[in-house]
């Protein structure tokens, strides 16, 4: 019986993404604390017993350990296999849509970092500069070096994305005399624009605002602080960017064409 090469390659890409998701869990846990993401090796947070390699298999290990430390029985969060599964699926989706190219390599890091930043933002209400600022640099460098990319479009995306949220944050501060949006969100959208181009920015802003508003209203009804509840906006920006990357690009280009019908190809 012959084995479909595409199936083998798809499994390989998924496993690769799951492995990066496993590393992402380490980064999520340690980076906000300023700890090394390389040493020491993964261990139980309660008994400090190092986790064996066979108990660290992405996604599956959590289930055969029944979500507990083999040594002391401490419960492990279900978020660990969830992050690994999501990252594996995103890697597979990127490869299925874009095939093998240098730009694909950029996008694999991009989606991995967006997942990591989103979880850190949910936990700590921060978007680390080590991701957002370096992401901007990598996005612009990739556009400058990769003939598949468009550097003017990437530069415009960075300026348009960061500039729009900066203006919103500034106007909010002027009107309310308090900060309504963190600088991390501004840098995150600038990074998204640098990687996906300026045509992605309207789509990302519109979709993230819509989803964020709905979720925010739901959370506000369950919070004692009501509409004054503070929610991280980074995950919604990241989610909208991934939607654009995997299918929203066509919608975004159509939307832009309504205002610039003769703008020609844009990235």
Protein backbone atom coordinates (compact mmCIF):
# COMPACT_ATOMS: atom_id res chain seq x y z
CA UNK A 1 0.00 0.00 0.00
CA UNK A 2 1.49 3.32 -1.09
CA UNK A 3 1.62 6.24 1.30
CA UNK A 4 0.57 9.67 0.10
CA UNK A 5 3.67 11.94 0.26
CA UNK A 6 1.45 14.99 0.87
CA UNK A 7 -0.02 13.31 3.94
CA UNK A 8 3.44 12.51 5.31
CA UNK A 9 4.57 16.08 4.73
CA UNK A 10 1.40 17.46 6.35
CA UNK A 11 1.98 15.33 9.44
CA UNK A 12 5.60 16.51 9.56
CA UNK A 13 4.55 20.17 9.39
CA UNK A 14 1.94 19.69 12.12
CA UNK A 15 4.43 17.93 14.40
CA UNK A 16 6.97 20.70 13.76
CA UNK A 17 4.38 23.28 14.77
CA UNK A 18 3.42 21.31 17.88
CA UNK A 19 7.08 21.15 18.90
CA UNK A 20 7.36 24.91 18.51
CA UNK A 21 4.16 25.21 20.50
CA UNK A 22 5.82 23.22 23.29
CA UNK A 23 8.73 25.65 23.25
CA UNK A 24 6.19 28.47 23.18
CA UNK A 25 4.76 27.22 26.48
CA UNK A 26 8.22 27.59 28.02
CA UNK A 27 8.53 31.13 26.65
CA UNK A 28 5.06 32.05 27.91
CA UNK A 29 5.93 30.88 31.40
CA UNK A 30 9.46 32.23 31.71
CA UNK A 31 9.86 35.31 29.50
CA UNK A 32 7.66 37.63 31.64
CA UNK A 33 9.74 36.61 34.68
CA UNK A 34 12.99 37.42 32.93
CA UNK A 35 14.11 33.77 33.14
CA UNK A 36 16.10 31.85 30.55
CA UNK A 37 13.94 29.98 28.06
CA UNK A 38 16.72 27.45 27.46
CA UNK A 39 17.86 26.39 30.93
CA UNK A 40 16.92 24.69 33.12
CA UNK A 41 14.97 22.06 31.21
CA UNK A 42 11.21 21.76 31.71
CA UNK A 43 10.25 20.66 35.20
CA UNK A 44 7.27 20.46 37.53
CA UNK A 45 6.46 23.81 39.10
CA UNK A 46 5.70 22.20 42.46
CA UNK A 47 8.26 19.42 43.06
CA UNK A 48 10.87 20.69 40.51
CA UNK A 49 11.27 17.18 39.07
CA UNK A 50 12.62 17.44 35.49
CA UNK A 51 10.10 16.21 32.95
CA UNK A 52 11.32 13.21 30.97
CA UNK A 53 11.45 13.54 27.21
CA UNK A 54 8.71 10.93 26.77
CA UNK A 55 6.47 12.91 29.11
CA UNK A 56 7.09 16.05 27.08
CA UNK A 57 5.68 14.87 23.74
CA UNK A 58 3.50 17.72 22.41
CA UNK A 59 -0.28 17.36 22.86
CA UNK A 60 -0.26 13.61 23.60
CA UNK A 61 1.82 13.63 26.80
CA UNK A 62 -0.76 15.68 28.69
CA UNK A 63 -3.39 13.03 28.02
CA UNK A 64 -1.37 9.95 28.92
CA UNK A 65 -0.24 11.71 32.11
CA UNK A 66 -3.88 12.65 32.70
CA UNK A 67 -2.81 16.24 33.14
CA UNK A 68 -0.67 15.51 36.20
CA UNK A 69 2.99 15.39 37.17
CA UNK A 70 4.21 11.79 37.17
CA UNK A 71 6.26 12.43 40.34
CA UNK A 72 3.98 14.40 42.66
CA UNK A 73 0.56 14.45 40.99
CA UNK A 74 0.48 18.24 40.57
CA UNK A 75 -2.06 19.22 37.91
CA UNK A 76 -0.78 20.64 34.63
CA UNK A 77 -2.91 23.26 32.86
CA UNK A 78 -4.85 22.11 29.81
CA UNK A 79 -3.49 25.24 28.16
CA UNK A 80 -0.21 23.44 27.47
CA UNK A 81 -1.59 20.93 24.93
CA UNK A 82 -3.99 23.60 23.63
CA UNK A 83 -1.15 25.95 22.71
CA UNK A 84 0.72 23.05 21.09
CA UNK A 85 -2.35 21.97 19.11
CA UNK A 86 -3.15 25.50 17.94
CA UNK A 87 0.43 26.14 16.85
CA UNK A 88 0.58 22.82 14.99
CA UNK A 89 -2.66 23.57 13.16
CA UNK A 90 -1.51 27.09 12.27
CA UNK A 91 1.77 25.77 10.86
CA UNK A 92 -0.17 23.29 8.76
CA UNK A 93 -2.64 25.94 7.57
CA UNK A 94 0.16 28.31 6.54
CA UNK A 95 1.92 25.58 4.56
CA UNK A 96 -1.31 24.49 2.87
CA UNK A 97 -2.05 28.04 1.76
CA UNK A 98 1.41 29.39 0.90
CA UNK A 99 3.45 26.31 0.08
CA UNK A 100 7.19 26.26 0.57
CA UNK A 101 8.91 29.65 0.25
CA UNK A 102 11.03 32.09 2.20
CA UNK A 103 7.88 34.03 2.99
CA UNK A 104 6.39 30.87 4.48
CA UNK A 105 9.30 30.71 6.93
CA UNK A 106 8.58 34.31 7.93
CA UNK A 107 4.92 33.48 8.45
CA UNK A 108 5.66 30.40 10.57
CA UNK A 109 7.63 32.51 13.03
CA UNK A 110 4.94 35.19 12.80
CA UNK A 111 2.03 32.92 13.77
CA UNK A 112 4.08 31.21 16.50
CA UNK A 113 5.03 34.54 18.02
CA UNK A 114 1.44 35.81 17.81
CA UNK A 115 0.23 32.80 19.80
CA UNK A 116 2.93 33.33 22.43
CA UNK A 117 2.27 37.08 22.69
CA UNK A 118 -1.48 36.54 22.95
CA UNK A 119 -1.18 34.17 25.91
CA UNK A 120 1.36 36.44 27.65
CA UNK A 121 -1.01 39.37 27.16
CA UNK A 122 -3.89 37.37 28.64
CA UNK A 123 -1.76 36.44 31.66
CA UNK A 124 0.11 39.67 32.33
CA UNK A 125 -1.47 42.43 30.19
CA UNK A 126 1.85 43.00 28.42
CA UNK A 127 3.17 42.49 24.90
CA UNK A 128 6.94 42.00 25.21
CA UNK A 129 9.13 44.33 23.15
CA UNK A 130 11.41 41.38 22.41
CA UNK A 131 8.65 40.15 20.09
CA UNK A 132 6.94 43.32 18.84
CA UNK A 133 10.00 45.47 18.15
CA UNK A 134 12.09 42.61 16.76
CA UNK A 135 9.05 41.56 14.74
CA UNK A 136 8.89 44.99 13.11
CA UNK A 137 12.58 44.79 12.22
CA UNK A 138 12.25 41.24 10.86
CA UNK A 139 9.13 42.18 8.90
CA UNK A 140 10.83 45.12 7.22
CA UNK A 141 14.06 43.20 6.65
CA UNK A 142 12.14 40.32 5.09
CA UNK A 143 10.33 42.70 2.78
CA UNK A 144 13.62 44.32 1.77
CA UNK A 145 15.48 41.06 1.14
CA UNK A 146 12.72 38.80 -0.18
CA UNK A 147 11.78 39.41 -3.84
CA UNK A 148 8.34 37.94 -3.07
CA UNK A 149 7.66 40.85 -0.72
CA UNK A 150 7.02 44.55 -1.28
CA UNK A 151 9.11 46.82 0.96
CA UNK A 152 7.10 50.03 0.38
CA UNK A 153 3.92 48.11 1.28
CA UNK A 154 5.54 46.73 4.42
CA UNK A 155 6.84 50.14 5.48
CA UNK A 156 3.43 51.70 4.83
CA UNK A 157 1.82 48.90 6.84
CA UNK A 158 4.08 49.55 9.81
CA UNK A 159 3.44 53.29 9.73
CA UNK A 160 -0.28 52.93 9.08
CA UNK A 161 -0.82 50.29 11.77
CA UNK A 162 1.27 51.88 14.48
CA UNK A 163 0.19 55.40 13.56
CA UNK A 164 -3.53 54.62 13.68
CA UNK A 165 -3.48 53.07 17.15
CA UNK A 166 -1.12 55.77 18.41
CA UNK A 167 -3.60 58.42 17.28
CA UNK A 168 -6.50 56.58 18.94
CA UNK A 169 -4.52 56.26 22.17
CA UNK A 170 -3.52 59.92 22.06
CA UNK A 171 -7.07 61.16 21.46
CA UNK A 172 -8.38 58.94 24.24
CA UNK A 173 -5.80 60.34 26.64
CA UNK A 174 -6.64 63.93 25.64
CA UNK A 175 -10.38 63.38 26.12
CA UNK A 176 -10.34 61.13 29.19
CA UNK A 177 -7.02 62.07 30.82
CA UNK A 178 -6.16 58.39 31.20
CA UNK A 179 -4.51 55.72 29.11
CA UNK A 180 -6.94 53.60 27.13
CA UNK A 181 -4.52 51.55 25.05
CA UNK A 182 -1.06 50.26 25.84
CA UNK A 183 2.01 50.91 23.76
CA UNK A 184 2.33 47.18 23.18
CA UNK A 185 -0.85 47.15 21.09
CA UNK A 186 0.52 49.98 18.95
CA UNK A 187 3.77 48.12 18.32
CA UNK A 188 1.88 44.87 17.69
CA UNK A 189 -0.23 46.40 14.92
CA UNK A 190 2.89 48.04 13.45
CA UNK A 191 4.49 44.57 13.40
CA UNK A 192 1.40 43.07 11.74
CA UNK A 193 1.46 45.79 9.09
CA UNK A 194 5.17 45.24 8.45
CA UNK A 195 4.62 41.53 7.81
CA UNK A 196 1.26 41.51 6.04
CA UNK A 197 1.40 44.87 4.27
CA UNK A 198 -0.72 47.99 4.58
CA UNK A 199 -3.83 46.41 3.03
CA UNK A 200 -4.10 44.14 6.09
CA UNK A 201 -4.42 47.03 8.54
CA UNK A 202 -8.06 48.06 7.87
CA UNK A 203 -9.17 44.41 8.04
CA UNK A 204 -7.27 43.74 11.26
CA UNK A 205 -8.57 46.91 12.93
CA UNK A 206 -12.16 46.26 11.91
CA UNK A 207 -12.27 42.55 12.83
CA UNK A 208 -10.32 42.90 16.10
CA UNK A 209 -12.51 45.81 17.19
CA UNK A 210 -15.68 43.88 16.41
CA UNK A 211 -14.60 40.73 18.24
CA UNK A 212 -13.06 42.71 21.10
CA UNK A 213 -16.25 44.73 21.56
CA UNK A 214 -18.47 41.65 21.70
CA UNK A 215 -16.19 39.81 24.13
CA UNK A 216 -15.66 42.97 26.17
CA UNK A 217 -19.40 43.50 26.59
CA UNK A 218 -19.87 39.89 27.65
CA UNK A 219 -17.08 40.16 30.22
CA UNK A 220 -18.36 43.53 31.43
CA UNK A 221 -21.74 42.04 32.32
CA UNK A 222 -19.97 39.51 34.53
CA UNK A 223 -17.53 41.91 36.16
CA UNK A 224 -18.24 44.16 39.16
CA UNK A 225 -16.43 47.01 37.40
CA UNK A 226 -18.79 46.81 34.41
CA UNK A 227 -17.69 48.70 31.30
CA UNK A 228 -14.56 49.89 33.10
CA UNK A 229 -13.16 46.36 32.96
CA UNK A 230 -9.69 46.25 31.45
CA UNK A 231 -9.18 43.58 28.81
CA UNK A 232 -6.06 42.80 26.76
CA UNK A 233 -6.50 43.81 23.13
CA UNK A 234 -3.45 41.97 21.80
CA UNK A 235 -5.17 38.59 21.33
CA UNK A 236 -7.86 40.18 19.17
CA UNK A 237 -5.29 41.93 16.98
CA UNK A 238 -3.37 38.67 16.67
CA UNK A 239 -6.51 36.68 15.87
CA UNK A 240 -7.59 39.15 13.21
CA UNK A 241 -4.10 39.07 11.67
CA UNK A 242 -4.22 35.27 11.46
CA UNK A 243 -7.69 35.40 9.89
CA UNK A 244 -6.37 37.84 7.28
CA UNK A 245 -3.35 35.66 6.67
CA UNK A 246 -5.41 32.51 6.12
CA UNK A 247 -8.26 33.89 4.06
CA UNK A 248 -9.13 37.46 4.85
CA UNK A 249 -6.59 38.87 2.42
CA UNK A 250 -9.09 38.62 -0.42
CA UNK A 251 -11.70 40.44 1.68
CA UNK A 252 -9.17 43.08 2.64
CA UNK A 253 -8.14 43.71 -0.95
CA UNK A 254 -11.78 43.92 -2.01
CA UNK A 255 -12.45 46.46 0.74
CA UNK A 256 -9.45 48.57 -0.30
CA UNK A 257 -10.56 48.43 -3.95
CA UNK A 258 -13.82 50.14 -3.02
CA UNK A 259 -11.81 53.26 -2.18
CA UNK A 260 -8.78 52.78 -4.46
CA UNK A 261 -10.12 50.89 -7.49
CA UNK A 262 -7.06 51.65 -9.61
CA UNK A 263 -4.43 51.16 -6.93
CA UNK A 264 -2.95 48.08 -8.63
CA UNK A 265 -1.20 45.27 -6.78
CA UNK A 266 -0.54 45.97 -3.12
CA UNK A 267 1.17 43.97 -0.37
